[in-house]
Amino acid sequence: MGATPVFVMQVVGVGAALCSIASFVPQVVKMWRDKAGKEVSLRMYMLTVTGFVLWSAYGFMLGSWPLVASNLISLGLACAILVLKLRYRNRPAKAASPSRAPDPGAAPVRRT
């Protein structure tokens, strides 16, 4: 098997960076919208933030600006989640609005 072309490696790297960055956005939006953070693991995000700090430092030492940039953006999003977690620490997520129409495809609820 021959050497992997640089272009292919860059596409894979950019794809990985975009997926990593995008994976945090739904959690930030949900926490911001619901003003709740009880369901989010504080330890997990402390570890995640530490990991992104180390990855950013590693990228800086390698002189790899794509590695630094993607990890700094992910670090910012993970820090936002951590801050929201601490801010809304004991607030549970809001329950679904009772005014929403039931899902027509859902199984009927049996009450006993």
N, C-alpha and C. Protein backbone atom coordinates (compact mmCIF):
# COMPACT_ATOMS: atom_id res chain seq x y z
N MET A 1 0.85 -1.16 0.00
CA MET A 1 0.00 0.00 0.00
C MET A 1 0.90 1.23 0.00
N GLY A 2 0.59 2.20 -0.84
CA GLY A 2 1.41 3.39 -0.98
C GLY A 2 1.16 4.41 0.11
N ALA A 3 1.93 5.47 0.04
CA ALA A 3 1.79 6.55 1.02
C ALA A 3 0.46 7.26 0.81
N THR A 4 -0.14 7.71 1.89
CA THR A 4 -1.40 8.45 1.83
C THR A 4 -1.11 9.87 1.36
N PRO A 5 -1.84 10.34 0.33
CA PRO A 5 -1.62 11.71 -0.14
C PRO A 5 -1.92 12.72 0.97
N VAL A 6 -1.16 13.80 0.97
CA VAL A 6 -1.32 14.85 1.98
C VAL A 6 -2.75 15.39 1.97
N PHE A 7 -3.33 15.54 0.78
CA PHE A 7 -4.68 16.07 0.69
C PHE A 7 -5.68 15.19 1.45
N VAL A 8 -5.56 13.88 1.31
CA VAL A 8 -6.46 12.95 2.00
C VAL A 8 -6.28 13.08 3.51
N MET A 9 -5.05 13.20 3.96
CA MET A 9 -4.79 13.36 5.39
C MET A 9 -5.42 14.66 5.90
N GLN A 10 -5.33 15.73 5.11
CA GLN A 10 -5.91 17.00 5.52
C GLN A 10 -7.43 16.92 5.58
N VAL A 11 -8.04 16.25 4.62
CA VAL A 11 -9.50 16.09 4.62
C VAL A 11 -9.94 15.30 5.85
N VAL A 12 -9.23 14.24 6.16
CA VAL A 12 -9.55 13.44 7.35
C VAL A 12 -9.39 14.30 8.61
N GLY A 13 -8.32 15.06 8.69
CA GLY A 13 -8.09 15.92 9.86
C GLY A 13 -9.15 16.99 10.02
N VAL A 14 -9.51 17.63 8.93
CA VAL A 14 -10.56 18.66 8.98
C VAL A 14 -11.90 18.04 9.36
N GLY A 15 -12.20 16.88 8.79
CA GLY A 15 -13.44 16.18 9.14
C GLY A 15 -13.49 15.82 10.62
N ALA A 16 -12.38 15.32 11.14
CA ALA A 16 -12.31 14.97 12.56
C ALA A 16 -12.48 16.21 13.43
N ALA A 17 -11.83 17.30 13.06
CA ALA A 17 -11.93 18.54 13.83
C ALA A 17 -13.36 19.07 13.83
N LEU A 18 -14.00 19.07 12.67
CA LEU A 18 -15.37 19.57 12.58
C LEU A 18 -16.34 18.72 13.40
N CYS A 19 -16.15 17.40 13.36
CA CYS A 19 -17.01 16.52 14.17
C CYS A 19 -16.79 16.76 15.66
N SER A 20 -15.54 16.91 16.07
CA SER A 20 -15.25 17.15 17.49
C SER A 20 -15.86 18.46 17.95
N ILE A 21 -15.70 19.49 17.15
CA ILE A 21 -16.24 20.80 17.51
C ILE A 21 -17.77 20.75 17.54
N ALA A 22 -18.37 20.21 16.50
CA ALA A 22 -19.83 20.18 16.39
C ALA A 22 -20.48 19.33 17.48
N SER A 23 -19.76 18.36 18.01
CA SER A 23 -20.36 17.48 19.01
C SER A 23 -20.72 18.20 20.30
N PHE A 24 -20.09 19.33 20.57
CA PHE A 24 -20.38 20.07 21.80
C PHE A 24 -21.52 21.06 21.64
N VAL A 25 -21.81 21.47 20.43
CA VAL A 25 -22.80 22.52 20.19
C VAL A 25 -24.19 22.15 20.71
N PRO A 26 -24.72 20.94 20.44
CA PRO A 26 -26.07 20.63 20.95
C PRO A 26 -26.17 20.71 22.48
N GLN A 27 -25.11 20.30 23.18
CA GLN A 27 -25.14 20.35 24.65
C GLN A 27 -25.14 21.80 25.14
N VAL A 28 -24.33 22.65 24.52
CA VAL A 28 -24.30 24.06 24.91
C VAL A 28 -25.68 24.68 24.68
N VAL A 29 -26.26 24.44 23.51
CA VAL A 29 -27.57 25.01 23.18
C VAL A 29 -28.64 24.51 24.15
N LYS A 30 -28.64 23.21 24.43
CA LYS A 30 -29.64 22.65 25.34
C LYS A 30 -29.51 23.24 26.74
N MET A 31 -28.30 23.33 27.25
CA MET A 31 -28.11 23.87 28.60
C MET A 31 -28.49 25.35 28.65
N TRP A 32 -28.15 26.08 27.61
CA TRP A 32 -28.46 27.51 27.56
C TRP A 32 -29.97 27.71 27.50
N ARG A 33 -30.64 26.91 26.65
CA ARG A 33 -32.09 27.04 26.47
C ARG A 33 -32.85 26.60 27.72
N ASP A 34 -32.46 25.45 28.30
CA ASP A 34 -33.19 24.89 29.44
C ASP A 34 -32.78 25.50 30.78
N LYS A 35 -31.64 26.18 30.80
CA LYS A 35 -31.12 26.74 32.05
C LYS A 35 -31.00 25.65 33.11
N ALA A 36 -30.52 24.48 32.68
CA ALA A 36 -30.39 23.34 33.57
C ALA A 36 -29.08 22.62 33.29
N GLY A 37 -28.51 22.04 34.35
CA GLY A 37 -27.24 21.34 34.17
C GLY A 37 -27.09 20.13 35.04
N LYS A 38 -28.16 19.74 35.71
CA LYS A 38 -28.07 18.64 36.65
C LYS A 38 -27.66 17.32 35.98
N GLU A 39 -28.08 17.11 34.74
CA GLU A 39 -27.83 15.85 34.05
C GLU A 39 -26.42 15.74 33.49
N VAL A 40 -25.66 16.82 33.48
CA VAL A 40 -24.32 16.82 32.90
C VAL A 40 -23.29 16.46 33.98
N SER A 41 -22.36 15.60 33.62
CA SER A 41 -21.34 15.15 34.55
C SER A 41 -20.24 16.21 34.71
N LEU A 42 -20.08 16.72 35.91
CA LEU A 42 -19.05 17.71 36.20
C LEU A 42 -17.66 17.10 36.02
N ARG A 43 -17.45 15.90 36.53
CA ARG A 43 -16.14 15.25 36.42
C ARG A 43 -15.76 15.02 34.95
N MET A 44 -16.74 14.60 34.16
CA MET A 44 -16.45 14.32 32.75
C MET A 44 -16.01 15.60 32.04
N TYR A 45 -16.69 16.71 32.28
CA TYR A 45 -16.30 17.94 31.59
C TYR A 45 -15.03 18.55 32.15
N MET A 46 -14.72 18.33 33.41
CA MET A 46 -13.43 18.77 33.94
C MET A 46 -12.30 18.00 33.25
N LEU A 47 -12.51 16.71 33.07
CA LEU A 47 -11.53 15.88 32.38
C LEU A 47 -11.43 16.27 30.89
N THR A 48 -12.55 16.54 30.27
CA THR A 48 -12.57 16.95 28.86
C THR A 48 -11.83 18.26 28.66
N VAL A 49 -12.07 19.22 29.53
CA VAL A 49 -11.37 20.52 29.45
C VAL A 49 -9.88 20.30 29.61
N THR A 50 -9.48 19.49 30.57
CA THR A 50 -8.06 19.19 30.77
C THR A 50 -7.46 18.55 29.51
N GLY A 51 -8.18 17.62 28.92
CA GLY A 51 -7.72 16.98 27.70
C GLY A 51 -7.51 17.97 26.56
N PHE A 52 -8.45 18.91 26.39
CA PHE A 52 -8.31 19.90 25.32
C PHE A 52 -7.17 20.87 25.59
N VAL A 53 -6.93 21.18 26.84
CA VAL A 53 -5.77 22.02 27.17
C VAL A 53 -4.48 21.30 26.76
N LEU A 54 -4.40 20.01 27.10
CA LEU A 54 -3.20 19.23 26.77
C LEU A 54 -3.06 19.05 25.26
N TRP A 55 -4.16 18.76 24.54
CA TRP A 55 -4.10 18.63 23.09
C TRP A 55 -3.66 19.94 22.44
N SER A 56 -4.15 21.06 22.97
CA SER A 56 -3.76 22.36 22.42
C SER A 56 -2.27 22.60 22.64
N ALA A 57 -1.79 22.28 23.84
CA ALA A 57 -0.36 22.44 24.13
C ALA A 57 0.47 21.53 23.23
N TYR A 58 0.02 20.31 23.02
CA TYR A 58 0.71 19.36 22.15
C TYR A 58 0.77 19.90 20.72
N GLY A 59 -0.34 20.40 20.23
CA GLY A 59 -0.37 20.98 18.89
C GLY A 59 0.55 22.18 18.77
N PHE A 60 0.59 23.00 19.82
CA PHE A 60 1.48 24.16 19.83
C PHE A 60 2.94 23.72 19.77
N MET A 61 3.28 22.70 20.57
CA MET A 61 4.66 22.20 20.58
C MET A 61 5.05 21.59 19.23
N LEU A 62 4.08 20.98 18.54
CA LEU A 62 4.34 20.43 17.21
C LEU A 62 4.36 21.51 16.13
N GLY A 63 3.82 22.67 16.46
CA GLY A 63 3.69 23.72 15.46
C GLY A 63 2.57 23.44 14.48
N SER A 64 1.56 22.72 14.92
CA SER A 64 0.43 22.35 14.07
C SER A 64 -0.75 23.26 14.37
N TRP A 65 -0.89 24.34 13.58
CA TRP A 65 -1.97 25.29 13.85
C TRP A 65 -3.35 24.66 13.69
N PRO A 66 -3.58 23.70 12.77
CA PRO A 66 -4.92 23.10 12.72
C PRO A 66 -5.25 22.34 14.01
N LEU A 67 -4.27 21.65 14.56
CA LEU A 67 -4.47 20.93 15.80
C LEU A 67 -4.74 21.90 16.95
N VAL A 68 -3.99 22.98 17.00
CA VAL A 68 -4.18 24.00 18.04
C VAL A 68 -5.55 24.65 17.89
N ALA A 69 -5.87 25.10 16.68
CA ALA A 69 -7.13 25.82 16.46
C ALA A 69 -8.35 24.96 16.78
N SER A 70 -8.39 23.74 16.28
CA SER A 70 -9.56 22.89 16.52
C SER A 70 -9.71 22.56 18.00
N ASN A 71 -8.59 22.34 18.68
CA ASN A 71 -8.68 22.02 20.10
C ASN A 71 -9.01 23.24 20.95
N LEU A 72 -8.57 24.42 20.53
CA LEU A 72 -8.94 25.63 21.27
C LEU A 72 -10.43 25.94 21.11
N ILE A 73 -10.98 25.70 19.92
CA ILE A 73 -12.42 25.91 19.73
C ILE A 73 -13.20 24.89 20.57
N SER A 74 -12.79 23.63 20.52
CA SER A 74 -13.44 22.61 21.34
C SER A 74 -13.29 22.92 22.82
N LEU A 75 -12.13 23.42 23.21
CA LEU A 75 -11.90 23.83 24.60
C LEU A 75 -12.88 24.92 25.01
N GLY A 76 -13.07 25.89 24.14
CA GLY A 76 -14.03 26.96 24.44
C GLY A 76 -15.44 26.43 24.65
N LEU A 77 -15.87 25.53 23.79
CA LEU A 77 -17.21 24.96 23.92
C LEU A 77 -17.32 24.09 25.18
N ALA A 78 -16.30 23.29 25.46
CA ALA A 78 -16.32 22.46 26.67
C ALA A 78 -16.30 23.33 27.92
N CYS A 79 -15.56 24.44 27.88
CA CYS A 79 -15.55 25.37 29.01
C CYS A 79 -16.92 26.01 29.19
N ALA A 80 -17.58 26.33 28.08
CA ALA A 80 -18.93 26.90 28.16
C ALA A 80 -19.87 25.91 28.84
N ILE A 81 -19.77 24.64 28.49
CA ILE A 81 -20.60 23.62 29.13
C ILE A 81 -20.27 23.53 30.62
N LEU A 82 -19.00 23.57 30.94
CA LEU A 82 -18.58 23.50 32.34
C LEU A 82 -19.11 24.69 33.13
N VAL A 83 -19.02 25.88 32.56
CA VAL A 83 -19.54 27.09 33.23
C VAL A 83 -21.05 26.99 33.41
N LEU A 84 -21.76 26.56 32.36
CA LEU A 84 -23.21 26.40 32.47
C LEU A 84 -23.56 25.33 33.49
N LYS A 85 -22.78 24.26 33.54
CA LYS A 85 -23.01 23.21 34.53
C LYS A 85 -22.89 23.78 35.94
N LEU A 86 -21.86 24.57 36.17
CA LEU A 86 -21.67 25.15 37.50
C LEU A 86 -22.75 26.19 37.82
N ARG A 87 -23.15 26.93 36.79
CA ARG A 87 -24.18 27.96 36.99
C ARG A 87 -25.55 27.36 37.27
N TYR A 88 -25.89 26.30 36.53
CA TYR A 88 -27.20 25.66 36.67
C TYR A 88 -27.09 24.29 37.32
N ARG A 89 -26.16 24.15 38.22
CA ARG A 89 -25.78 22.87 38.82
C ARG A 89 -26.96 22.04 39.31
N ASN A 90 -27.86 22.62 40.05
CA ASN A 90 -28.92 21.85 40.69
C ASN A 90 -30.28 21.97 40.02
N ARG A 91 -30.30 22.57 38.86
CA ARG A 91 -31.58 22.70 38.16
C ARG A 91 -31.77 21.52 37.21
N PRO A 92 -32.86 20.77 37.40
CA PRO A 92 -33.13 19.68 36.46
C PRO A 92 -33.64 20.24 35.14
N ALA A 93 -33.56 19.44 34.10
CA ALA A 93 -34.07 19.85 32.79
C ALA A 93 -35.57 20.07 32.89
N LYS A 94 -36.07 21.00 32.09
CA LYS A 94 -37.51 21.27 32.06
C LYS A 94 -38.23 20.07 31.48
N ALA A 95 -39.40 19.79 32.03
CA ALA A 95 -40.22 18.71 31.50
C ALA A 95 -40.83 19.16 30.18
N ALA A 96 -41.20 18.21 29.37
CA ALA A 96 -41.85 18.54 28.10
C ALA A 96 -43.12 19.32 28.36
N SER A 97 -43.38 20.27 27.53
CA SER A 97 -44.55 21.12 27.67
C SER A 97 -45.83 20.30 27.53
N PRO A 98 -46.78 20.41 28.47
CA PRO A 98 -48.02 19.64 28.37
C PRO A 98 -48.89 20.11 27.21
N SER A 99 -48.63 21.29 26.68
CA SER A 99 -49.45 21.81 25.58
C SER A 99 -49.07 21.19 24.24
N ARG A 100 -47.96 20.44 24.21
CA ARG A 100 -47.56 19.80 22.96
C ARG A 100 -48.50 18.66 22.63
N ALA A 101 -48.82 18.54 21.37
CA ALA A 101 -49.70 17.46 20.93
C ALA A 101 -48.95 16.14 21.04
N PRO A 102 -49.66 15.06 21.42
CA PRO A 102 -48.98 13.76 21.52
C PRO A 102 -48.54 13.27 20.16
N ASP A 103 -47.51 12.44 20.17
CA ASP A 103 -47.00 11.84 18.95
C ASP A 103 -48.02 10.83 18.44
N PRO A 104 -48.54 11.03 17.19
CA PRO A 104 -49.55 10.11 16.69
C PRO A 104 -49.03 8.68 16.50
N GLY A 105 -47.73 8.52 16.39
CA GLY A 105 -47.15 7.20 16.20
C GLY A 105 -46.82 6.49 17.50
N ALA A 106 -46.98 7.19 18.61
CA ALA A 106 -46.63 6.61 19.91
C ALA A 106 -47.68 5.61 20.35
N ALA A 107 -47.23 4.63 21.11
CA ALA A 107 -48.16 3.64 21.66
C ALA A 107 -49.05 4.32 22.70
N PRO A 108 -50.30 3.89 22.79
CA PRO A 108 -51.19 4.48 23.79
C PRO A 108 -50.71 4.18 25.20
N VAL A 109 -50.96 5.10 26.11
CA VAL A 109 -50.56 4.94 27.50
C VAL A 109 -51.70 4.23 28.23
N ARG A 110 -51.36 3.12 28.89
CA ARG A 110 -52.36 2.37 29.64
C ARG A 110 -52.27 2.77 31.10
N ARG A 111 -53.35 3.15 31.63
CA ARG A 111 -53.39 3.55 33.06
C ARG A 111 -54.14 2.47 33.83
N THR A 112 -53.58 2.12 34.99
CA THR A 112 -54.23 1.11 35.81
C THR A 112 -54.70 1.68 37.10
